[in-house]
Amino acid sequence: MTAIEVRGLHKSYGGRKAVDGISFDVGEGEIFGILGPNGAGKTTTVECVAGLRRPDEGRVRVFGHDPVRERAEVTRVLGVQLQESELQAKLTVGEALDLYASFYERPADRRELAGRLGLLPHLGTRFGKLSGGRKQRLLIALALIGGPRVVVLDELTTGLDPRARREAGSLVEDIRAGGVTVLLVTHFMEEAQRLCDRIAVIDGGRVAALDTPAGLIGRASAAKEISFAADTPLDPEALRALPGTVSVTVADGRTVVAGTDGTVNAFVSLLARRGVTARRLRVTDATLDDASLDLTGTALR
């Protein structure tokens, strides 16, 4: 079943098109990622999905409901954690959960939800005293308190340290395991690559690509990167002549060759033929960041 349907979405501000014909579907039970550079139209898109902005043109449906015309129905099935969400600093965790629970006819059990998100020991702690990671946990809890079938998480881990980001990623997986569809907006490529079933890359208000993480990575011009230092210098032109080579860069005594699996095999043969020893040799696969750079011209990490 389709959880979210977006067709031909357009939204402008003062004559500037923020969203220019975006279309995608999110299947029930998916973790669906939205990536793109700053100003690409990501937040405007999810705000239209959440019913917080009215599209100029296009169709948006959340489990068959129009987020603008059927606001009450969408509120019952959709939870939202928006970028830069804040609460009153003196509000305690327990008070925030009680307040948001009062908005719904059948809210989730606040103690069970707090326990699931590691907030039970902090019900009496004021929002202003929480760490960044715990603030994000509370904001997720508030997005889930209504028992939604789909939740929007916009830049969930921005500003968090690496440990808190990992913990937030685990929470996203737990949310999906609980039967909730997740629409995830993020700048962190490793996070998107690990968590998302499919990803829409948005650039200039349009969908530049939509595929699985592996499918997007497969579109990268260079599938492999060879990095090494040689005891005997290798002619860069010989490296550029290797089959599948995309680029060769030399800096500080280290050479980096971007290419394909065939480039790696040909590189090994070249070393053997010339009797060259490669020191600190490393071969790495292309990443989602490489794919996004090819698609948008901007590295998103």
Protein backbone atom coordinates (compact mmCIF):
# COMPACT_ATOMS: atom_id res chain seq x y z
CA MET A 1 0.00 0.00 0.00
CA THR A 2 1.16 3.54 -0.74
CA ALA A 3 1.71 5.60 2.41
CA ILE A 4 2.62 8.90 0.70
CA GLU A 5 1.87 9.97 -2.86
CA VAL A 6 3.33 13.16 -4.34
CA ARG A 7 2.52 14.10 -7.94
CA GLY A 8 3.68 17.19 -9.85
CA LEU A 9 4.28 19.24 -6.70
CA HIS A 10 4.99 22.96 -7.23
CA LYS A 11 5.60 25.66 -4.64
CA SER A 12 6.98 29.19 -5.12
CA TYR A 13 7.93 32.01 -2.77
CA GLY A 14 7.88 35.53 -4.18
CA GLY A 15 8.32 34.31 -7.72
CA ARG A 16 11.14 31.90 -6.82
CA LYS A 17 10.32 28.24 -7.42
CA ALA A 18 11.31 26.18 -4.38
CA VAL A 19 9.65 23.01 -5.68
CA ASP A 20 9.28 22.50 -9.42
CA GLY A 21 7.30 19.37 -10.34
CA ILE A 22 8.40 16.83 -7.72
CA SER A 23 6.81 13.36 -7.80
CA PHE A 24 7.44 10.23 -5.72
CA ASP A 25 5.65 7.50 -3.77
CA VAL A 26 6.53 6.07 -0.36
CA GLY A 27 5.44 2.49 0.26
CA GLU A 28 3.98 1.46 3.61
CA GLY A 29 6.78 0.16 5.87
CA GLU A 30 9.60 1.92 3.98
CA ILE A 31 12.32 4.18 5.28
CA PHE A 32 12.32 6.64 2.39
CA GLY A 33 15.11 9.21 2.25
CA ILE A 34 15.15 12.70 0.75
CA LEU A 35 18.61 14.13 0.02
CA GLY A 36 19.84 17.28 -1.65
CA PRO A 37 21.95 20.41 -1.21
CA ASN A 38 20.77 23.38 0.85
CA GLY A 39 17.92 25.20 -0.86
CA ALA A 40 17.03 22.20 -3.02
CA GLY A 41 13.39 22.16 -1.85
CA LYS A 42 13.52 19.27 0.63
CA THR A 43 11.92 20.97 3.63
CA THR A 44 9.24 22.66 1.50
CA THR A 45 8.37 19.25 0.07
CA VAL A 46 7.94 17.57 3.46
CA GLU A 47 6.02 20.60 4.80
CA CYS A 48 3.56 20.14 1.92
CA VAL A 49 3.32 16.43 2.79
CA ALA A 50 2.59 17.37 6.40
CA GLY A 51 -0.05 19.92 5.39
CA LEU A 52 1.94 22.83 6.82
CA ARG A 53 2.15 24.49 3.40
CA ARG A 54 -0.41 24.55 0.61
CA PRO A 55 1.05 23.51 -2.78
CA ASP A 56 0.61 25.90 -5.69
CA GLU A 57 0.02 22.91 -7.96
CA GLY A 58 0.11 19.13 -7.70
CA ARG A 59 -1.36 16.32 -5.66
CA VAL A 60 -0.27 15.14 -2.20
CA ARG A 61 -1.91 12.24 -0.38
CA VAL A 62 -1.08 10.56 2.94
CA PHE A 63 -2.78 7.17 3.09
CA GLY A 64 -5.26 8.57 0.57
CA HIS A 65 -5.99 11.82 2.44
CA ASP A 66 -5.29 15.37 1.29
CA PRO A 67 -3.09 17.03 3.98
CA VAL A 68 -4.77 20.42 3.46
CA ARG A 69 -8.44 19.55 2.89
CA GLU A 70 -8.48 16.54 5.23
CA ARG A 71 -6.26 17.91 7.95
CA ALA A 72 -7.91 16.03 10.82
CA GLU A 73 -7.63 12.65 9.05
CA VAL A 74 -3.96 13.24 8.18
CA THR A 75 -3.14 14.32 11.76
CA ARG A 76 -4.37 10.91 12.96
CA VAL A 77 -1.96 9.00 10.73
CA LEU A 78 1.03 11.36 10.38
CA GLY A 79 3.61 12.44 12.97
CA VAL A 80 6.15 15.19 12.26
CA GLN A 81 9.54 16.17 13.68
CA LEU A 82 10.60 19.27 11.80
CA GLN A 83 14.02 20.86 11.40
CA GLU A 84 14.85 23.30 14.23
CA SER A 85 11.95 22.14 16.43
CA GLU A 86 12.07 23.62 19.94
CA LEU A 87 10.00 23.51 23.14
CA GLN A 88 9.66 25.94 26.04
CA ALA A 89 12.84 25.50 28.09
CA LYS A 90 11.06 24.98 31.45
CA LEU A 91 8.67 22.32 30.13
CA THR A 92 9.59 18.89 31.52
CA VAL A 93 9.73 15.74 29.41
CA GLY A 94 6.64 14.35 31.16
CA GLU A 95 4.71 17.59 30.75
CA ALA A 96 5.54 17.74 27.03
CA LEU A 97 4.36 14.15 26.53
CA ASP A 98 1.13 14.83 28.45
CA LEU A 99 0.49 18.02 26.51
CA TYR A 100 0.94 16.41 23.10
CA ALA A 101 -1.01 13.30 24.14
CA SER A 102 -3.98 15.57 24.92
CA PHE A 103 -4.18 16.48 21.21
CA TYR A 104 -5.24 12.92 20.23
CA GLU A 105 -8.25 10.74 20.92
CA ARG A 106 -6.19 7.58 21.33
CA PRO A 107 -2.59 8.55 22.16
CA ALA A 108 0.19 6.07 22.74
CA ASP A 109 1.02 5.14 26.32
CA ARG A 110 3.44 7.86 27.38
CA ARG A 111 5.43 5.68 29.81
CA GLU A 112 5.81 2.88 27.29
CA LEU A 113 6.91 5.38 24.63
CA ALA A 114 9.31 7.12 27.04
CA GLY A 115 10.79 3.76 28.00
CA ARG A 116 11.19 2.75 24.37
CA LEU A 117 13.11 5.97 23.64
CA GLY A 118 15.22 5.92 26.81
CA LEU A 119 13.41 8.91 28.36
CA LEU A 120 11.78 7.25 31.36
CA PRO A 121 14.51 8.37 33.82
CA HIS A 122 14.15 11.95 32.51
CA LEU A 123 10.40 12.58 32.76
CA GLY A 124 11.04 15.30 35.36
CA THR A 125 13.89 16.95 33.45
CA ARG A 126 13.22 20.32 31.83
CA PHE A 127 13.68 20.57 28.07
CA GLY A 128 16.38 23.24 28.45
CA LYS A 129 18.48 20.87 30.56
CA LEU A 130 18.42 17.94 28.13
CA SER A 131 21.44 16.98 26.01
CA GLY A 132 21.13 17.34 22.23
CA GLY A 133 20.55 13.62 21.81
CA ARG A 134 17.82 13.50 24.47
CA LYS A 135 16.10 16.54 22.96
CA GLN A 136 15.93 14.70 19.67
CA ARG A 137 14.56 11.60 21.42
CA LEU A 138 11.83 13.73 23.00
CA LEU A 139 10.95 15.35 19.66
CA ILE A 140 10.68 11.88 18.12
CA ALA A 141 8.48 10.79 21.03
CA LEU A 142 6.19 13.79 20.42
CA ALA A 143 5.98 12.84 16.74
CA LEU A 144 4.97 9.30 17.76
CA ILE A 145 2.65 10.09 20.69
CA GLY A 146 -0.43 10.07 18.44
CA GLY A 147 0.31 6.52 17.24
CA PRO A 148 0.92 7.54 13.59
CA ARG A 149 1.27 5.16 10.66
CA VAL A 150 3.89 7.41 9.03
CA VAL A 151 6.37 9.86 10.54
CA VAL A 152 8.37 12.68 8.92
CA LEU A 153 11.84 13.26 10.38
CA ASP A 154 13.47 16.40 8.94
CA GLU A 155 17.23 16.70 9.60
CA LEU A 156 16.90 14.51 12.67
CA THR A 157 20.63 14.35 13.46
CA THR A 158 21.86 17.84 12.49
CA GLY A 159 24.00 19.26 15.30
CA LEU A 160 24.43 15.95 17.09
CA ASP A 161 27.79 14.36 17.87
CA PRO A 162 28.67 11.04 16.13
CA ARG A 163 27.52 8.91 19.06
CA ALA A 164 24.14 10.67 19.26
CA ARG A 165 23.75 10.34 15.47
CA ARG A 166 24.30 6.58 15.70
CA GLU A 167 21.76 6.34 18.50
CA ALA A 168 19.24 8.35 16.46
CA GLY A 169 19.81 6.05 13.50
CA SER A 170 19.04 3.04 15.67
CA LEU A 171 15.85 4.77 16.80
CA VAL A 172 14.75 5.19 13.18
CA GLU A 173 15.20 1.46 12.63
CA ASP A 174 13.22 0.76 15.80
CA ILE A 175 10.41 3.04 14.60
CA ARG A 176 10.13 1.11 11.33
CA ALA A 177 10.29 -2.18 13.21
CA GLY A 178 7.24 -0.95 15.16
CA GLY A 179 5.28 -0.76 11.89
CA VAL A 180 5.69 2.98 11.16
CA THR A 181 6.66 4.26 7.72
CA VAL A 182 9.49 6.83 7.86
CA LEU A 183 10.12 9.80 5.56
CA LEU A 184 13.68 10.86 6.44
CA VAL A 185 15.34 14.12 5.33
CA THR A 186 19.08 14.10 6.03
CA HIS A 187 22.44 15.57 4.98
CA PHE A 188 24.42 12.61 6.31
CA MET A 189 25.28 10.22 3.50
CA GLU A 190 26.37 7.31 5.70
CA GLU A 191 23.11 7.60 7.63
CA ALA A 192 21.02 7.56 4.44
CA GLN A 193 23.03 4.72 2.91
CA ARG A 194 22.59 2.56 6.01
CA LEU A 195 18.96 3.32 6.87
CA CYS A 196 17.01 4.02 3.69
CA ASP A 197 15.28 1.51 1.44
CA ARG A 198 14.99 4.10 -1.34
CA ILE A 199 16.18 7.68 -1.75
CA ALA A 200 15.01 10.66 -3.80
CA VAL A 201 17.84 13.08 -4.60
CA ILE A 202 16.36 16.56 -5.00
CA ASP A 203 18.21 19.38 -6.73
CA GLY A 204 16.84 22.72 -7.87
CA GLY A 205 13.32 21.79 -6.78
CA ARG A 206 13.25 18.64 -8.92
CA VAL A 207 13.94 14.94 -8.41
CA ALA A 208 17.37 14.33 -9.92
CA ALA A 209 17.26 10.59 -9.19
CA LEU A 210 15.18 8.06 -7.25
CA ASP A 211 16.57 4.63 -6.48
CA THR A 212 17.88 2.33 -3.77
CA PRO A 213 21.17 3.43 -2.15
CA ALA A 214 22.97 0.70 -4.11
CA GLY A 215 21.29 1.80 -7.33
CA LEU A 216 22.33 5.43 -6.81
CA ILE A 217 25.90 4.43 -5.98
CA GLY A 218 25.95 2.35 -9.15
CA ARG A 219 25.35 5.54 -11.13
CA ALA A 220 28.54 7.16 -9.82
CA SER A 221 31.03 7.75 -12.59
CA ALA A 222 33.76 6.10 -10.49
CA ALA A 223 32.87 2.88 -8.68
CA LYS A 224 36.33 2.49 -7.10
CA GLU A 225 39.08 4.74 -5.75
CA ILE A 226 42.70 3.57 -5.58
CA SER A 227 44.96 5.53 -3.25
CA PHE A 228 48.68 4.78 -2.91
CA ALA A 229 52.25 6.00 -2.63
CA ALA A 230 54.85 4.30 -4.88
CA ASP A 231 58.54 3.64 -4.26
CA THR A 232 59.06 4.38 -7.98
CA PRO A 233 56.94 7.20 -9.48
CA LEU A 234 54.31 6.10 -11.99
CA ASP A 235 53.57 8.27 -15.01
CA PRO A 236 50.07 9.79 -14.50
CA GLU A 237 49.45 9.36 -18.23
CA ALA A 238 49.96 5.60 -17.87
CA LEU A 239 47.38 5.60 -15.10
CA ARG A 240 44.93 7.67 -17.15
CA ALA A 241 45.30 5.12 -19.95
CA LEU A 242 44.06 2.29 -17.73
CA PRO A 243 40.59 1.03 -18.77
CA GLY A 244 37.75 2.74 -16.89
CA THR A 245 39.89 5.49 -15.34
CA VAL A 246 37.83 8.60 -14.55
CA SER A 247 40.49 10.79 -12.92
CA VAL A 248 44.07 10.78 -11.59
CA THR A 249 45.27 13.21 -8.92
CA VAL A 250 48.74 13.48 -7.38
CA ALA A 251 49.37 15.44 -4.18
CA ASP A 252 51.91 15.23 -1.34
CA GLY A 253 53.51 12.10 -2.76
CA ARG A 254 50.21 10.23 -2.89
CA THR A 255 48.28 9.27 -6.03
CA VAL A 256 44.53 8.73 -6.24
CA VAL A 257 42.98 6.96 -9.23
CA ALA A 258 39.20 6.94 -9.61
CA GLY A 259 37.75 4.29 -11.90
CA THR A 260 36.02 0.93 -12.11
CA ASP A 261 36.65 -2.67 -11.08
CA GLY A 262 38.46 -3.02 -14.38
CA THR A 263 40.72 -0.11 -13.44
CA VAL A 264 41.73 -1.90 -10.24
CA ASN A 265 42.62 -5.10 -12.12
CA ALA A 266 44.60 -3.19 -14.75
CA PHE A 267 46.38 -1.19 -12.03
CA VAL A 268 47.56 -4.36 -10.28
CA SER A 269 48.86 -5.71 -13.61
CA LEU A 270 50.68 -2.44 -14.27
CA LEU A 271 52.45 -2.63 -10.91
CA ALA A 272 53.53 -6.21 -11.59
CA ARG A 273 54.83 -5.44 -15.08
CA ARG A 274 56.88 -2.49 -13.89
CA GLY A 275 58.03 -4.05 -10.64
CA VAL A 276 56.62 -1.16 -8.61
CA THR A 277 55.67 -1.55 -4.94
CA ALA A 278 52.62 0.48 -3.84
CA ARG A 279 52.82 1.61 -0.23
CA ARG A 280 49.78 2.39 1.91
CA LEU A 281 47.60 1.01 -0.86
CA ARG A 282 43.87 1.42 -0.31
CA VAL A 283 40.96 0.55 -2.59
CA THR A 284 37.56 1.93 -1.59
CA ASP A 285 34.11 1.63 -3.12
CA ALA A 286 32.10 4.59 -4.32
CA THR A 287 29.75 6.06 -1.75
CA LEU A 288 26.38 7.76 -1.77
CA ASP A 289 28.25 11.07 -1.50
CA ASP A 290 30.05 10.26 -4.77
CA ALA A 291 26.69 9.56 -6.40
CA SER A 292 25.17 12.79 -5.07
CA LEU A 293 28.17 14.76 -6.32
CA ASP A 294 27.65 13.33 -9.81
CA LEU A 295 23.91 14.05 -9.69
CA THR A 296 23.89 17.54 -8.16
CA GLY A 297 27.46 18.79 -8.48
CA THR A 298 27.53 19.22 -4.69
CA ALA A 299 28.95 16.95 -1.98
CA LEU A 300 26.25 16.73 0.69
CA ARG A 301 28.15 15.45 3.69
